[in-house]
Amino acid sequence: DEPIVLEVNIGFLEKMDEFSLIGMSTSGKDALEKIKKLKP
């Protein structure tokens, strides 16, 4: 939920070729809905 931390984590993840970001959320309930749908 912290925009700066989210940006840092995305930046860290982008440095690793084995991983692909498919979604993000800033709240728990929204995260649950998206994770159930996307199944990361």
PDB file of all heavy atoms in Angstrom:
ATOM      1  N   ASP A   1       0.794  -1.223   0.000  1.00  0.00           N
ATOM      2  CA  ASP A   1       0.000   0.000   0.000  1.00  0.00           C
ATOM      3  C   ASP A   1       0.830   1.279   0.000  1.00  0.00           C
ATOM      4  O   ASP A   1       0.282   2.362  -0.200  1.00  0.00           O
ATOM      5  CB  ASP A   1      -0.958   0.008   1.196  1.00  0.00           C
ATOM      6  CG  ASP A   1      -0.227   0.148   2.519  1.00  0.00           C
ATOM      7  OD1 ASP A   1       0.852  -0.478   2.676  1.00  0.00           O
ATOM      8  OD2 ASP A   1      -0.725   0.859   3.407  1.00  0.00           O
ATOM      9  N   GLU A   2       2.138   1.179   0.199  1.00  0.00           N
ATOM     10  CA  GLU A   2       2.988   2.365   0.184  1.00  0.00           C
ATOM     11  C   GLU A   2       3.545   2.558  -1.226  1.00  0.00           C
ATOM     12  O   GLU A   2       4.318   1.728  -1.702  1.00  0.00           O
ATOM     13  CB  GLU A   2       4.130   2.233   1.180  1.00  0.00           C
ATOM     14  CG  GLU A   2       3.679   2.117   2.634  1.00  0.00           C
ATOM     15  CD  GLU A   2       4.852   2.013   3.583  1.00  0.00           C
ATOM     16  OE1 GLU A   2       5.863   2.696   3.332  1.00  0.00           O
ATOM     17  OE2 GLU A   2       4.760   1.251   4.557  1.00  0.00           O
ATOM     18  N   PRO A   3       3.192   3.662  -1.895  1.00  0.00           N
ATOM     19  CA  PRO A   3       3.598   3.864  -3.294  1.00  0.00           C
ATOM     20  C   PRO A   3       5.107   3.796  -3.518  1.00  0.00           C
ATOM     21  O   PRO A   3       5.559   3.190  -4.500  1.00  0.00           O
ATOM     22  CB  PRO A   3       3.059   5.267  -3.614  1.00  0.00           C
ATOM     23  CG  PRO A   3       1.916   5.456  -2.672  1.00  0.00           C
ATOM     24  CD  PRO A   3       2.322   4.749  -1.405  1.00  0.00           C
ATOM     25  N   ILE A   4       5.879   4.379  -2.606  1.00  0.00           N
ATOM     26  CA  ILE A   4       7.334   4.377  -2.788  1.00  0.00           C
ATOM     27  C   ILE A   4       7.892   2.964  -2.677  1.00  0.00           C
ATOM     28  O   ILE A   4       8.723   2.536  -3.484  1.00  0.00           O
ATOM     29  CB  ILE A   4       8.005   5.307  -1.754  1.00  0.00           C
ATOM     30  CG1 ILE A   4       7.583   6.762  -2.014  1.00  0.00           C
ATOM     31  CG2 ILE A   4       9.529   5.181  -1.823  1.00  0.00           C
ATOM     32  CD1 ILE A   4       8.154   7.749  -1.017  1.00  0.00           C
ATOM     33  N   VAL A   5       7.423   2.213  -1.667  1.00  0.00           N
ATOM     34  CA  VAL A   5       7.887   0.841  -1.484  1.00  0.00           C
ATOM     35  C   VAL A   5       7.459  -0.027  -2.665  1.00  0.00           C
ATOM     36  O   VAL A   5       8.222  -0.864  -3.148  1.00  0.00           O
ATOM     37  CB  VAL A   5       7.338   0.247  -0.166  1.00  0.00           C
ATOM     38  CG1 VAL A   5       7.786  -1.202  -0.007  1.00  0.00           C
ATOM     39  CG2 VAL A   5       7.809   1.072   1.027  1.00  0.00           C
ATOM     40  N   LEU A   6       6.238   0.192  -3.145  1.00  0.00           N
ATOM     41  CA  LEU A   6       5.745  -0.552  -4.305  1.00  0.00           C
ATOM     42  C   LEU A   6       6.642  -0.308  -5.515  1.00  0.00           C
ATOM     43  O   LEU A   6       7.020  -1.242  -6.235  1.00  0.00           O
ATOM     44  CB  LEU A   6       4.311  -0.143  -4.618  1.00  0.00           C
ATOM     45  CG  LEU A   6       3.664  -0.779  -5.849  1.00  0.00           C
ATOM     46  CD1 LEU A   6       3.610  -2.292  -5.713  1.00  0.00           C
ATOM     47  CD2 LEU A   6       2.258  -0.210  -6.066  1.00  0.00           C
ATOM     48  N   GLU A   7       6.999   0.941  -5.718  1.00  0.00           N
ATOM     49  CA  GLU A   7       7.865   1.300  -6.846  1.00  0.00           C
ATOM     50  C   GLU A   7       9.241   0.637  -6.715  1.00  0.00           C
ATOM     51  O   GLU A   7       9.792   0.126  -7.697  1.00  0.00           O
ATOM     52  CB  GLU A   7       8.017   2.821  -6.914  1.00  0.00           C
ATOM     53  CG  GLU A   7       8.825   3.306  -8.107  1.00  0.00           C
ATOM     54  CD  GLU A   7       8.907   4.821  -8.175  1.00  0.00           C
ATOM     55  OE1 GLU A   7       8.129   5.491  -7.461  1.00  0.00           O
ATOM     56  OE2 GLU A   7       9.749   5.330  -8.936  1.00  0.00           O
ATOM     57  N   VAL A   8       9.775   0.617  -5.493  1.00  0.00           N
ATOM     58  CA  VAL A   8      11.088  -0.011  -5.258  1.00  0.00           C
ATOM     59  C   VAL A   8      11.017  -1.503  -5.541  1.00  0.00           C
ATOM     60  O   VAL A   8      11.895  -2.074  -6.203  1.00  0.00           O
ATOM     61  CB  VAL A   8      11.549   0.244  -3.809  1.00  0.00           C
ATOM     62  CG1 VAL A   8      12.762  -0.636  -3.468  1.00  0.00           C
ATOM     63  CG2 VAL A   8      11.905   1.710  -3.607  1.00  0.00           C
ATOM     64  N   ASN A   9       9.963  -2.163  -5.030  1.00  0.00           N
ATOM     65  CA  ASN A   9       9.822  -3.599  -5.236  1.00  0.00           C
ATOM     66  C   ASN A   9       9.678  -3.952  -6.715  1.00  0.00           C
ATOM     67  O   ASN A   9      10.238  -4.950  -7.182  1.00  0.00           O
ATOM     68  CB  ASN A   9       8.621  -4.132  -4.447  1.00  0.00           C
ATOM     69  CG  ASN A   9       8.847  -4.089  -2.949  1.00  0.00           C
ATOM     70  OD1 ASN A   9       9.970  -3.923  -2.484  1.00  0.00           O
ATOM     71  ND2 ASN A   9       7.774  -4.237  -2.191  1.00  0.00           N
ATOM     72  N   ILE A  10       8.928  -3.135  -7.442  1.00  0.00           N
ATOM     73  CA  ILE A  10       8.792  -3.356  -8.887  1.00  0.00           C
ATOM     74  C   ILE A  10      10.153  -3.199  -9.564  1.00  0.00           C
ATOM     75  O   ILE A  10      10.531  -3.994 -10.438  1.00  0.00           O
ATOM     76  CB  ILE A  10       7.768  -2.381  -9.490  1.00  0.00           C
ATOM     77  CG1 ILE A  10       6.360  -2.703  -8.984  1.00  0.00           C
ATOM     78  CG2 ILE A  10       7.800  -2.441 -11.020  1.00  0.00           C
ATOM     79  CD1 ILE A  10       5.306  -1.692  -9.404  1.00  0.00           C
ATOM     80  N   GLY A  11      10.898  -2.183  -9.159  1.00  0.00           N
ATOM     81  CA  GLY A  11      12.229  -1.965  -9.719  1.00  0.00           C
ATOM     82  C   GLY A  11      13.164  -3.127  -9.447  1.00  0.00           C
ATOM     83  O   GLY A  11      13.922  -3.563 -10.329  1.00  0.00           O
ATOM     84  N   PHE A  12      13.116  -3.655  -8.218  1.00  0.00           N
ATOM     85  CA  PHE A  12      13.933  -4.821  -7.871  1.00  0.00           C
ATOM     86  C   PHE A  12      13.551  -6.020  -8.748  1.00  0.00           C
ATOM     87  O   PHE A  12      14.411  -6.734  -9.261  1.00  0.00           O
ATOM     88  CB  PHE A  12      13.738  -5.191  -6.399  1.00  0.00           C
ATOM     89  CG  PHE A  12      14.496  -4.316  -5.432  1.00  0.00           C
ATOM     90  CD1 PHE A  12      14.336  -4.504  -4.067  1.00  0.00           C
ATOM     91  CD2 PHE A  12      15.353  -3.327  -5.875  1.00  0.00           C
ATOM     92  CE1 PHE A  12      15.040  -3.715  -3.148  1.00  0.00           C
ATOM     93  CE2 PHE A  12      16.042  -2.524  -4.982  1.00  0.00           C
ATOM     94  CZ  PHE A  12      15.893  -2.718  -3.618  1.00  0.00           C
ATOM     95  N   LEU A  13      12.241  -6.220  -8.892  1.00  0.00           N
ATOM     96  CA  LEU A  13      11.748  -7.380  -9.639  1.00  0.00           C
ATOM     97  C   LEU A  13      12.154  -7.295 -11.111  1.00  0.00           C
ATOM     98  O   LEU A  13      12.490  -8.317 -11.730  1.00  0.00           O
ATOM     99  CB  LEU A  13      10.227  -7.469  -9.508  1.00  0.00           C
ATOM    100  CG  LEU A  13       9.563  -8.735 -10.042  1.00  0.00           C
ATOM    101  CD1 LEU A  13       9.994  -9.950  -9.228  1.00  0.00           C
ATOM    102  CD2 LEU A  13       8.045  -8.593 -10.003  1.00  0.00           C
ATOM    103  N   GLU A  14      12.136  -6.098 -11.662  1.00  0.00           N
ATOM    104  CA  GLU A  14      12.473  -5.917 -13.075  1.00  0.00           C
ATOM    105  C   GLU A  14      13.927  -6.245 -13.373  1.00  0.00           C
ATOM    106  O   GLU A  14      14.299  -6.450 -14.537  1.00  0.00           O
ATOM    107  CB  GLU A  14      12.152  -4.484 -13.511  1.00  0.00           C
ATOM    108  CG  GLU A  14      10.654  -4.210 -13.608  1.00  0.00           C
ATOM    109  CD  GLU A  14      10.343  -2.763 -13.933  1.00  0.00           C
ATOM    110  OE1 GLU A  14      11.263  -1.918 -13.792  1.00  0.00           O
ATOM    111  OE2 GLU A  14       9.190  -2.472 -14.320  1.00  0.00           O
ATOM    112  N   LYS A  15      14.760  -6.290 -12.350  1.00  0.00           N
ATOM    113  CA  LYS A  15      16.173  -6.637 -12.531  1.00  0.00           C
ATOM    114  C   LYS A  15      16.385  -8.146 -12.647  1.00  0.00           C
ATOM    115  O   LYS A  15      17.503  -8.601 -12.885  1.00  0.00           O
ATOM    116  CB  LYS A  15      17.001  -6.093 -11.365  1.00  0.00           C
ATOM    117  CG  LYS A  15      17.018  -4.571 -11.249  1.00  0.00           C
ATOM    118  CD  LYS A  15      17.850  -4.125 -10.056  1.00  0.00           C
ATOM    119  CE  LYS A  15      17.800  -2.616  -9.874  1.00  0.00           C
ATOM    120  NZ  LYS A  15      18.436  -1.895 -10.992  1.00  0.00           N
ATOM    121  N   MET A  16      15.320  -8.925 -12.456  1.00  0.00           N
ATOM    122  CA  MET A  16      15.431 -10.383 -12.451  1.00  0.00           C
ATOM    123  C   MET A  16      14.637 -10.957 -13.630  1.00  0.00           C
ATOM    124  O   MET A  16      13.405 -10.906 -13.656  1.00  0.00           O
ATOM    125  CB  MET A  16      14.921 -10.942 -11.121  1.00  0.00           C
ATOM    126  CG  MET A  16      15.600 -10.295  -9.919  1.00  0.00           C
ATOM    127  SD  MET A  16      15.159 -11.047  -8.332  1.00  0.00           S
ATOM    128  CE  MET A  16      16.027 -12.623  -8.478  1.00  0.00           C
ATOM    129  N   ASP A  17      15.347 -11.480 -14.604  1.00  0.00           N
ATOM    130  CA  ASP A  17      14.736 -11.923 -15.854  1.00  0.00           C
ATOM    131  C   ASP A  17      13.812 -13.124 -15.693  1.00  0.00           C
ATOM    132  O   ASP A  17      12.966 -13.381 -16.557  1.00  0.00           O
ATOM    133  CB  ASP A  17      15.829 -12.275 -16.876  1.00  0.00           C
ATOM    134  CG  ASP A  17      16.636 -11.060 -17.295  1.00  0.00           C
ATOM    135  OD1 ASP A  17      16.105  -9.934 -17.200  1.00  0.00           O
ATOM    136  OD2 ASP A  17      17.797 -11.231 -17.708  1.00  0.00           O
ATOM    137  N   GLU A  18      13.985 -13.891 -14.612  1.00  0.00           N
ATOM    138  CA  GLU A  18      13.185 -15.112 -14.448  1.00  0.00           C
ATOM    139  C   GLU A  18      11.751 -14.837 -14.020  1.00  0.00           C
ATOM    140  O   GLU A  18      10.920 -15.746 -14.001  1.00  0.00           O
ATOM    141  CB  GLU A  18      13.833 -16.033 -13.400  1.00  0.00           C
ATOM    142  CG  GLU A  18      15.277 -16.382 -13.669  1.00  0.00           C
ATOM    143  CD  GLU A  18      16.240 -15.410 -13.008  1.00  0.00           C
ATOM    144  OE1 GLU A  18      15.819 -14.264 -12.708  1.00  0.00           O
ATOM    145  OE2 GLU A  18      17.392 -15.794 -12.789  1.00  0.00           O
ATOM    146  N   PHE A  19      11.444 -13.578 -13.672  1.00  0.00           N
ATOM    147  CA  PHE A  19      10.142 -13.248 -13.103  1.00  0.00           C
ATOM    148  C   PHE A  19       9.386 -12.240 -13.964  1.00  0.00           C
ATOM    149  O   PHE A  19       9.985 -11.410 -14.646  1.00  0.00           O
ATOM    150  CB  PHE A  19      10.311 -12.699 -11.690  1.00  0.00           C
ATOM    151  CG  PHE A  19      10.930 -13.677 -10.737  1.00  0.00           C
ATOM    152  CD1 PHE A  19      12.304 -13.776 -10.626  1.00  0.00           C
ATOM    153  CD2 PHE A  19      10.140 -14.513  -9.961  1.00  0.00           C
ATOM    154  CE1 PHE A  19      12.883 -14.695  -9.758  1.00  0.00           C
ATOM    155  CE2 PHE A  19      10.705 -15.433  -9.096  1.00  0.00           C
ATOM    156  CZ  PHE A  19      12.079 -15.526  -8.997  1.00  0.00           C
ATOM    157  N   SER A  20       8.059 -12.322 -13.894  1.00  0.00           N
ATOM    158  CA  SER A  20       7.210 -11.411 -14.653  1.00  0.00           C
ATOM    159  C   SER A  20       6.087 -10.894 -13.753  1.00  0.00           C
ATOM    160  O   SER A  20       5.342 -11.690 -13.173  1.00  0.00           O
ATOM    161  CB  SER A  20       6.620 -12.137 -15.866  1.00  0.00           C
ATOM    162  OG  SER A  20       5.681 -11.313 -16.536  1.00  0.00           O
ATOM    163  N   LEU A  21       5.964  -9.590 -13.620  1.00  0.00           N
ATOM    164  CA  LEU A  21       4.908  -8.981 -12.810  1.00  0.00           C
ATOM    165  C   LEU A  21       3.598  -9.014 -13.586  1.00  0.00           C
ATOM    166  O   LEU A  21       3.504  -8.462 -14.678  1.00  0.00           O
ATOM    167  CB  LEU A  21       5.282  -7.541 -12.458  1.00  0.00           C
ATOM    168  CG  LEU A  21       4.278  -6.769 -11.608  1.00  0.00           C
ATOM    169  CD1 LEU A  21       4.143  -7.399 -10.225  1.00  0.00           C
ATOM    170  CD2 LEU A  21       4.697  -5.300 -11.482  1.00  0.00           C
ATOM    171  N   ILE A  22       2.575  -9.662 -13.006  1.00  0.00           N
ATOM    172  CA  ILE A  22       1.282  -9.758 -13.703  1.00  0.00           C
ATOM    173  C   ILE A  22       0.186  -8.942 -13.027  1.00  0.00           C
ATOM    174  O   ILE A  22      -0.928  -8.859 -13.543  1.00  0.00           O
ATOM    175  CB  ILE A  22       0.823 -11.222 -13.835  1.00  0.00           C
ATOM    176  CG1 ILE A  22       0.557 -11.840 -12.455  1.00  0.00           C
ATOM    177  CG2 ILE A  22       1.831 -12.032 -14.620  1.00  0.00           C
ATOM    178  CD1 ILE A  22      -0.155 -13.186 -12.526  1.00  0.00           C
ATOM    179  N   GLY A  23       0.485  -8.349 -11.866  1.00  0.00           N
ATOM    180  CA  GLY A  23      -0.534  -7.552 -11.203  1.00  0.00           C
ATOM    181  C   GLY A  23      -0.060  -7.006  -9.882  1.00  0.00           C
ATOM    182  O   GLY A  23       0.966  -7.444  -9.349  1.00  0.00           O
ATOM    183  N   MET A  24      -0.817  -6.058  -9.364  1.00  0.00           N
ATOM    184  CA  MET A  24      -0.474  -5.465  -8.072  1.00  0.00           C
ATOM    185  C   MET A  24      -1.740  -4.920  -7.423  1.00  0.00           C
ATOM    186  O   MET A  24      -2.756  -4.692  -8.093  1.00  0.00           O
ATOM    187  CB  MET A  24       0.567  -4.354  -8.247  1.00  0.00           C
ATOM    188  CG  MET A  24       0.092  -3.161  -9.043  1.00  0.00           C
ATOM    189  SD  MET A  24       1.443  -2.030  -9.483  1.00  0.00           S
ATOM    190  CE  MET A  24       2.166  -2.919 -10.872  1.00  0.00           C
ATOM    191  N   SER A  25      -1.646  -4.725  -6.098  1.00  0.00           N
ATOM    192  CA  SER A  25      -2.795  -4.193  -5.371  1.00  0.00           C
ATOM    193  C   SER A  25      -2.286  -3.424  -4.159  1.00  0.00           C
ATOM    194  O   SER A  25      -1.219  -3.722  -3.625  1.00  0.00           O
ATOM    195  CB  SER A  25      -3.719  -5.320  -4.930  1.00  0.00           C
ATOM    196  OG  SER A  25      -4.829  -4.796  -4.222  1.00  0.00           O
ATOM    197  N   THR A  26      -3.097  -2.455  -3.715  1.00  0.00           N
ATOM    198  CA  THR A  26      -2.725  -1.657  -2.552  1.00  0.00           C
ATOM    199  C   THR A  26      -3.609  -1.949  -1.343  1.00  0.00           C
ATOM    200  O   THR A  26      -3.500  -1.279  -0.322  1.00  0.00           O
ATOM    201  CB  THR A  26      -2.806  -0.154  -2.882  1.00  0.00           C
ATOM    202  OG1 THR A  26      -4.132   0.166  -3.312  1.00  0.00           O
ATOM    203  CG2 THR A  26      -1.822   0.210  -3.986  1.00  0.00           C
ATOM    204  N   SER A  27      -4.492  -2.944  -1.444  1.00  0.00           N
ATOM    205  CA  SER A  27      -5.357  -3.307  -0.317  1.00  0.00           C
ATOM    206  C   SER A  27      -5.557  -4.817  -0.285  1.00  0.00           C
ATOM    207  O   SER A  27      -5.393  -5.510  -1.300  1.00  0.00           O
ATOM    208  CB  SER A  27      -6.712  -2.599  -0.410  1.00  0.00           C
ATOM    209  OG  SER A  27      -7.449  -3.089  -1.514  1.00  0.00           O
ATOM    210  N   GLY A  28      -5.950  -5.318   0.879  1.00  0.00           N
ATOM    211  CA  GLY A  28      -6.086  -6.751   1.056  1.00  0.00           C
ATOM    212  C   GLY A  28      -7.240  -7.368   0.293  1.00  0.00           C
ATOM    213  O   GLY A  28      -7.088  -8.393  -0.379  1.00  0.00           O
ATOM    214  N   LYS A  29      -8.419  -6.759   0.390  1.00  0.00           N
ATOM    215  CA  LYS A  29      -9.601  -7.330  -0.267  1.00  0.00           C
ATOM    216  C   LYS A  29      -9.470  -7.309  -1.783  1.00  0.00           C
ATOM    217  O   LYS A  29      -9.835  -8.268  -2.473  1.00  0.00           O
ATOM    218  CB  LYS A  29     -10.856  -6.570   0.183  1.00  0.00           C
ATOM    219  CG  LYS A  29     -11.196  -6.781   1.652  1.00  0.00           C
ATOM    220  CD  LYS A  29     -12.432  -5.992   2.066  1.00  0.00           C
ATOM    221  CE  LYS A  29     -12.749  -6.215   3.540  1.00  0.00           C
ATOM    222  NZ  LYS A  29     -13.931  -5.437   3.979  1.00  0.00           N
ATOM    223  N   ASP A  30      -8.941  -6.225  -2.306  1.00  0.00           N
ATOM    224  CA  ASP A  30      -8.716  -6.138  -3.745  1.00  0.00           C
ATOM    225  C   ASP A  30      -7.681  -7.179  -4.175  1.00  0.00           C
ATOM    226  O   ASP A  30      -7.818  -7.812  -5.230  1.00  0.00           O
ATOM    227  CB  ASP A  30      -8.228  -4.731  -4.115  1.00  0.00           C
ATOM    228  CG  ASP A  30      -7.961  -4.587  -5.600  1.00  0.00           C
ATOM    229  OD1 ASP A  30      -8.919  -4.642  -6.386  1.00  0.00           O
ATOM    230  OD2 ASP A  30      -6.773  -4.412  -5.968  1.00  0.00           O
ATOM    231  N   ALA A  31      -6.656  -7.361  -3.353  1.00  0.00           N
ATOM    232  CA  ALA A  31      -5.618  -8.346  -3.659  1.00  0.00           C
ATOM    233  C   ALA A  31      -6.208  -9.750  -3.734  1.00  0.00           C
ATOM    234  O   ALA A  31      -5.881 -10.525  -4.642  1.00  0.00           O
ATOM    235  CB  ALA A  31      -4.515  -8.290  -2.605  1.00  0.00           C
ATOM    236  N   LEU A  32      -7.071 -10.080  -2.789  1.00  0.00           N
ATOM    237  CA  LEU A  32      -7.685 -11.410  -2.780  1.00  0.00           C
ATOM    238  C   LEU A  32      -8.462 -11.671  -4.072  1.00  0.00           C
ATOM    239  O   LEU A  32      -8.346 -12.746  -4.676  1.00  0.00           O
ATOM    240  CB  LEU A  32      -8.622 -11.554  -1.578  1.00  0.00           C
ATOM    241  CG  LEU A  32      -7.957 -11.851  -0.237  1.00  0.00           C
ATOM    242  CD1 LEU A  32      -8.973 -11.739   0.899  1.00  0.00           C
ATOM    243  CD2 LEU A  32      -7.331 -13.246  -0.244  1.00  0.00           C
ATOM    244  N   GLU A  33      -9.240 -10.699  -4.511  1.00  0.00           N
ATOM    245  CA  GLU A  33     -10.022 -10.863  -5.739  1.00  0.00           C
ATOM    246  C   GLU A  33      -9.124 -11.079  -6.943  1.00  0.00           C
ATOM    247  O   GLU A  33      -9.359 -11.972  -7.769  1.00  0.00           O
ATOM    248  CB  GLU A  33     -10.910  -9.631  -5.959  1.00  0.00           C
ATOM    249  CG  GLU A  33     -12.043  -9.487  -4.944  1.00  0.00           C
ATOM    250  CD  GLU A  33     -12.917  -8.278  -5.241  1.00  0.00           C
ATOM    251  OE1 GLU A  33     -12.709  -7.653  -6.297  1.00  0.00           O
ATOM    252  OE2 GLU A  33     -13.795  -7.971  -4.418  1.00  0.00           O
ATOM    253  N   LYS A  34      -8.065 -10.265  -7.042  1.00  0.00           N
ATOM    254  CA  LYS A  34      -7.186 -10.344  -8.208  1.00  0.00           C
ATOM    255  C   LYS A  34      -6.335 -11.615  -8.185  1.00  0.00           C
ATOM    256  O   LYS A  34      -6.105 -12.236  -9.228  1.00  0.00           O
ATOM    257  CB  LYS A  34      -6.291  -9.101  -8.269  1.00  0.00           C
ATOM    258  CG  LYS A  34      -7.051  -7.825  -8.597  1.00  0.00           C
ATOM    259  CD  LYS A  34      -6.127  -6.622  -8.644  1.00  0.00           C
ATOM    260  CE  LYS A  34      -6.891  -5.362  -9.018  1.00  0.00           C
ATOM    261  NZ  LYS A  34      -6.011  -4.152  -9.005  1.00  0.00           N
ATOM    262  N   ILE A  35      -5.870 -12.000  -7.002  1.00  0.00           N
ATOM    263  CA  ILE A  35      -5.043 -13.211  -6.910  1.00  0.00           C
ATOM    264  C   ILE A  35      -5.859 -14.450  -7.266  1.00  0.00           C
ATOM    265  O   ILE A  35      -5.384 -15.349  -7.957  1.00  0.00           O
ATOM    266  CB  ILE A  35      -4.443 -13.343  -5.494  1.00  0.00           C
ATOM    267  CG1 ILE A  35      -3.401 -12.240  -5.268  1.00  0.00           C
ATOM    268  CG2 ILE A  35      -3.799 -14.719  -5.293  1.00  0.00           C
ATOM    269  CD1 ILE A  35      -2.918 -12.136  -3.834  1.00  0.00           C
ATOM    270  N   LYS A  36      -7.103 -14.497  -6.804  1.00  0.00           N
ATOM    271  CA  LYS A  36      -7.976 -15.639  -7.139  1.00  0.00           C
ATOM    272  C   LYS A  36      -8.197 -15.725  -8.652  1.00  0.00           C
ATOM    273  O   LYS A  36      -8.305 -16.821  -9.214  1.00  0.00           O
ATOM    274  CB  LYS A  36      -9.321 -15.503  -6.425  1.00  0.00           C
ATOM    275  CG  LYS A  36      -9.251 -15.672  -4.917  1.00  0.00           C
ATOM    276  CD  LYS A  36     -10.614 -15.400  -4.289  1.00  0.00           C
ATOM    277  CE  LYS A  36     -10.539 -15.367  -2.785  1.00  0.00           C
ATOM    278  NZ  LYS A  36     -11.848 -15.042  -2.159  1.00  0.00           N
ATOM    279  N   LYS A  37      -8.266 -14.588  -9.298  1.00  0.00           N
ATOM    280  CA  LYS A  37      -8.516 -14.558 -10.742  1.00  0.00           C
ATOM    281  C   LYS A  37      -7.240 -14.857 -11.531  1.00  0.00           C
ATOM    282  O   LYS A  37      -7.260 -15.663 -12.472  1.00  0.00           O
ATOM    283  CB  LYS A  37      -9.065 -13.185 -11.143  1.00  0.00           C
ATOM    284  CG  LYS A  37      -9.335 -13.041 -12.629  1.00  0.00           C
ATOM    285  CD  LYS A  37      -9.884 -11.654 -12.949  1.00  0.00           C
ATOM    286  CE  LYS A  37     -10.140 -11.497 -14.441  1.00  0.00           C
ATOM    287  NZ  LYS A  37     -10.673 -10.146 -14.778  1.00  0.00           N
ATOM    288  N   LEU A  38      -6.119 -14.226 -11.140  1.00  0.00           N
ATOM    289  CA  LEU A  38      -4.889 -14.331 -11.917  1.00  0.00           C
ATOM    290  C   LEU A  38      -4.070 -15.569 -11.566  1.00  0.00           C
ATOM    291  O   LEU A  38      -3.301 -16.060 -12.384  1.00  0.00           O
ATOM    292  CB  LEU A  38      -4.034 -13.076 -11.691  1.00  0.00           C
ATOM    293  CG  LEU A  38      -4.629 -11.757 -12.175  1.00  0.00           C
ATOM    294  CD1 LEU A  38      -3.757 -10.588 -11.726  1.00  0.00           C
ATOM    295  CD2 LEU A  38      -4.757 -11.771 -13.690  1.00  0.00           C
ATOM    296  N   LYS A  39      -4.215 -16.046 -10.305  1.00  0.00           N
ATOM    297  CA  LYS A  39      -3.464 -17.210  -9.817  1.00  0.00           C
ATOM    298  C   LYS A  39      -1.963 -17.108 -10.109  1.00  0.00           C
ATOM    299  O   LYS A  39      -1.382 -17.950 -10.813  1.00  0.00           O
ATOM    300  CB  LYS A  39      -4.035 -18.504 -10.387  1.00  0.00           C
ATOM    301  CG  LYS A  39      -5.422 -18.835  -9.837  1.00  0.00           C
ATOM    302  CD  LYS A  39      -5.911 -20.164 -10.357  1.00  0.00           C
ATOM    303  CE  LYS A  39      -7.204 -20.581  -9.644  1.00  0.00           C
ATOM    304  NZ  LYS A  39      -8.265 -19.580  -9.728  1.00  0.00           N
ATOM    305  N   PRO A  40      -1.313 -16.095  -9.572  1.00  0.00           N
ATOM    306  CA  PRO A  40       0.133 -15.959  -9.776  1.00  0.00           C
ATOM    307  C   PRO A  40       0.890 -17.078  -9.077  1.00  0.00           C
ATOM    308  O   PRO A  40       0.416 -17.639  -8.088  1.00  0.00           O
ATOM    309  CB  PRO A  40       0.449 -14.603  -9.126  1.00  0.00           C
ATOM    310  CG  PRO A  40      -0.608 -14.455  -8.068  1.00  0.00           C
ATOM    311  CD  PRO A  40      -1.844 -15.058  -8.679  1.00  0.00           C
TER     312      PRO A  40
END
